[in-house]
Amino acid sequence: MGYEYVLTATIKQATEKVDPLRQEAGCFVLLSNLVDQQDNWPAKELLSLYKSQIGIERNFSFLKDPAIVNSIFLKKAERIEVLDLVLLASLLIWRLTERSMRRYVESNDCTPPGWVRRKTKKPTAFMMTTKFNAIMVLTIGSHRQLAKPLKPYQIEYLKALGVSADAFTFP
């Protein structure tokens, strides 16, 4: 004597939950002044070219942040070119910051704090910016001062950048 079990199920897609995720997952940022009609660059071909450039994708990953992407819509080619220039200049500063810190770490054989208080030999610009998000400068008349003294790890990052702590109070 045996038992036989039969399971019957109906799978329904909750479109109100899936559609927003699909829309977000299918979002790509393309900075281009190529227009379909003028230069014969169909959107699919442009997207394919973009996706084949791994280095650019890695460097511009911050553009996928919905806080940045969702708020920008430009129609004019000139504005797209200017935005592209601003983003490239930002990326250059970002990478030079990392390069400067890493050279300092290598030449001074030190390890500044990285994530979760772990020491690192490869500090990143983002890592560094998170160390300074609580800095507050008070201005009283014409006198500027820090609300609290800098912490040792903040001073270490400033040294790695070749920047004096006075940069906050005497810009």
Protein backbone atom coordinates (compact mmCIF):
# COMPACT_ATOMS: atom_id res chain seq x y z
CA MET A 1 0.00 0.00 0.00
CA GLY A 2 1.52 3.31 -1.08
CA TYR A 3 0.63 6.91 -1.12
CA GLU A 4 0.60 9.18 -4.10
CA TYR A 5 0.66 12.95 -3.74
CA VAL A 6 -0.25 15.40 -6.45
CA LEU A 7 0.62 19.07 -6.21
CA THR A 8 -1.13 21.54 -8.44
CA ALA A 9 -0.09 25.21 -8.54
CA THR A 10 -0.83 28.28 -10.57
CA ILE A 11 1.94 30.85 -10.84
CA LYS A 12 0.85 34.42 -11.38
CA GLN A 13 3.19 37.30 -11.96
CA ALA A 14 2.65 40.33 -9.71
CA THR A 15 3.21 42.91 -12.45
CA GLU A 16 2.92 45.85 -10.05
CA LYS A 17 6.03 44.51 -8.27
CA VAL A 18 7.95 43.19 -11.27
CA ASP A 19 7.54 46.14 -13.67
CA PRO A 20 9.43 48.71 -11.52
CA LEU A 21 12.29 46.23 -11.07
CA ARG A 22 12.43 45.54 -14.81
CA GLN A 23 12.47 49.24 -15.56
CA GLU A 24 15.29 49.85 -13.09
CA ALA A 25 17.33 46.85 -14.30
CA GLY A 26 16.95 47.94 -17.92
CA CYS A 27 18.27 51.45 -17.33
CA PHE A 28 21.56 52.35 -19.01
CA VAL A 29 23.22 55.73 -19.01
CA LEU A 30 24.57 56.70 -22.39
CA LEU A 31 26.39 59.97 -22.84
CA SER A 32 26.37 60.62 -26.53
CA ASN A 33 26.02 63.43 -28.99
CA LEU A 34 25.38 60.95 -31.79
CA VAL A 35 21.87 61.30 -33.16
CA ASP A 36 20.07 58.37 -34.84
CA GLN A 37 19.01 60.31 -37.93
CA GLN A 38 22.29 62.14 -38.61
CA ASP A 39 24.98 59.59 -37.87
CA ASN A 40 23.17 56.27 -38.28
CA TRP A 41 23.71 55.18 -34.68
CA PRO A 42 20.66 53.15 -33.68
CA ALA A 43 20.08 52.91 -29.93
CA LYS A 44 20.77 49.15 -29.86
CA GLU A 45 24.11 49.57 -31.63
CA LEU A 46 25.11 52.44 -29.33
CA LEU A 47 24.16 50.38 -26.27
CA SER A 48 26.15 47.41 -27.56
CA LEU A 49 29.22 49.61 -28.12
CA TYR A 50 28.85 51.06 -24.63
CA LYS A 51 28.51 47.66 -22.97
CA SER A 52 31.69 46.43 -24.68
CA GLN A 53 33.75 49.12 -22.92
CA ILE A 54 34.38 47.47 -19.56
CA GLY A 55 36.79 50.11 -18.24
CA ILE A 56 34.37 52.93 -18.87
CA GLU A 57 31.57 50.96 -17.24
CA ARG A 58 33.69 50.40 -14.13
CA ASN A 59 34.69 54.05 -13.90
CA PHE A 60 31.20 55.42 -14.40
CA SER A 61 29.35 52.96 -12.21
CA PHE A 62 28.30 55.82 -9.95
CA LEU A 63 26.08 57.06 -12.78
CA LYS A 64 23.80 54.07 -12.29
CA ASP A 65 22.74 55.47 -8.94
CA PRO A 66 19.05 56.37 -9.38
CA ALA A 67 19.62 59.58 -7.41
CA ILE A 68 21.86 60.79 -10.25
CA VAL A 69 20.37 59.13 -13.32
CA ASN A 70 16.69 59.76 -12.69
CA SER A 71 17.13 63.49 -12.24
CA ILE A 72 18.97 64.21 -15.51
CA PHE A 73 17.31 64.61 -18.88
CA LEU A 74 18.98 66.70 -21.53
CA LYS A 75 17.68 67.35 -25.03
CA LYS A 76 20.34 69.60 -26.57
CA ALA A 77 23.58 68.08 -27.80
CA GLU A 78 25.57 70.97 -26.30
CA ARG A 79 24.23 70.23 -22.84
CA ILE A 80 25.03 66.54 -23.19
CA GLU A 81 28.59 67.44 -24.20
CA VAL A 82 28.96 69.78 -21.23
CA LEU A 83 27.62 67.15 -18.83
CA ASP A 84 30.04 64.65 -20.37
CA LEU A 85 32.93 67.09 -19.84
CA VAL A 86 31.93 67.73 -16.21
CA LEU A 87 31.66 63.99 -15.52
CA LEU A 88 35.03 63.30 -17.18
CA ALA A 89 36.66 66.09 -15.14
CA SER A 90 35.07 64.64 -11.99
CA LEU A 91 36.33 61.18 -12.85
CA LEU A 92 39.83 62.57 -13.47
CA ILE A 93 39.86 64.26 -10.05
CA TRP A 94 38.48 61.08 -8.46
CA ARG A 95 41.19 58.89 -10.01
CA LEU A 96 44.01 61.38 -9.27
CA THR A 97 42.87 61.45 -5.65
CA GLU A 98 43.17 57.67 -5.48
CA ARG A 99 46.53 57.72 -7.24
CA SER A 100 47.90 60.33 -4.83
CA MET A 101 46.72 58.41 -1.77
CA ARG A 102 48.06 55.09 -3.05
CA ARG A 103 51.47 56.56 -3.89
CA TYR A 104 51.66 58.02 -0.40
CA VAL A 105 50.70 54.68 1.16
CA GLU A 106 53.32 52.88 -0.94
CA SER A 107 56.16 55.34 -0.34
CA ASN A 108 55.49 55.70 3.41
CA ASP A 109 54.62 52.04 3.98
CA CYS A 110 51.50 52.90 5.94
CA THR A 111 47.97 51.55 5.95
CA PRO A 112 45.18 54.07 6.49
CA PRO A 113 41.87 52.81 7.81
CA GLY A 114 39.60 51.35 5.17
CA TRP A 115 36.17 49.84 5.60
CA VAL A 116 34.99 48.81 9.05
CA ARG A 117 38.23 49.98 10.71
CA ARG A 118 40.35 47.55 8.70
CA LYS A 119 43.66 48.84 7.42
CA THR A 120 44.09 49.06 3.65
CA LYS A 121 46.95 49.33 1.18
CA LYS A 122 44.57 50.47 -1.58
CA PRO A 123 42.48 53.37 -0.32
CA THR A 124 39.73 54.52 -2.66
CA ALA A 125 38.40 58.02 -3.19
CA PHE A 126 34.97 56.92 -2.03
CA MET A 127 36.47 55.39 1.10
CA MET A 128 38.23 58.68 1.80
CA THR A 129 35.08 60.79 1.30
CA THR A 130 33.19 58.70 3.86
CA LYS A 131 35.83 59.57 6.46
CA PHE A 132 35.04 63.29 6.13
CA ASN A 133 31.25 63.33 6.05
CA ALA A 134 30.93 64.60 9.64
CA ILE A 135 33.20 67.64 9.28
CA MET A 136 31.51 70.87 10.29
CA VAL A 137 33.09 74.30 9.84
CA LEU A 138 31.76 77.10 12.04
CA THR A 139 31.97 80.69 10.84
CA ILE A 140 31.83 83.38 13.52
CA GLY A 141 32.24 86.79 11.95
CA SER A 142 35.25 86.38 9.68
CA HIS A 143 36.77 83.58 11.78
CA ARG A 144 36.37 79.97 10.63
CA GLN A 145 37.02 76.94 12.81
CA LEU A 146 36.23 73.25 12.95
CA ALA A 147 33.39 72.28 15.29
CA LYS A 148 35.50 69.32 16.53
CA PRO A 149 39.18 68.52 16.08
CA LEU A 150 40.06 66.17 13.24
CA LYS A 151 40.44 62.51 14.14
CA PRO A 152 43.82 60.79 13.57
CA TYR A 153 42.55 58.81 10.57
CA GLN A 154 41.27 62.02 8.95
CA ILE A 155 44.68 63.65 9.42
CA GLU A 156 46.28 60.54 7.90
CA TYR A 157 44.06 60.82 4.80
CA LEU A 158 44.88 64.53 4.47
CA LYS A 159 48.61 63.71 4.62
CA ALA A 160 48.11 61.10 1.91
CA LEU A 161 46.49 63.78 -0.25
CA GLY A 162 49.18 66.34 0.52
CA VAL A 163 46.56 68.67 2.00
CA SER A 164 46.87 70.61 5.23
CA ALA A 165 44.12 70.51 7.84
CA ASP A 166 43.93 74.29 7.37
CA ALA A 167 42.18 73.65 4.05
CA PHE A 168 38.89 73.51 5.97
CA THR A 169 39.36 76.83 7.75
CA PHE A 170 41.53 78.79 5.29
CA PRO A 171 40.27 77.80 1.83
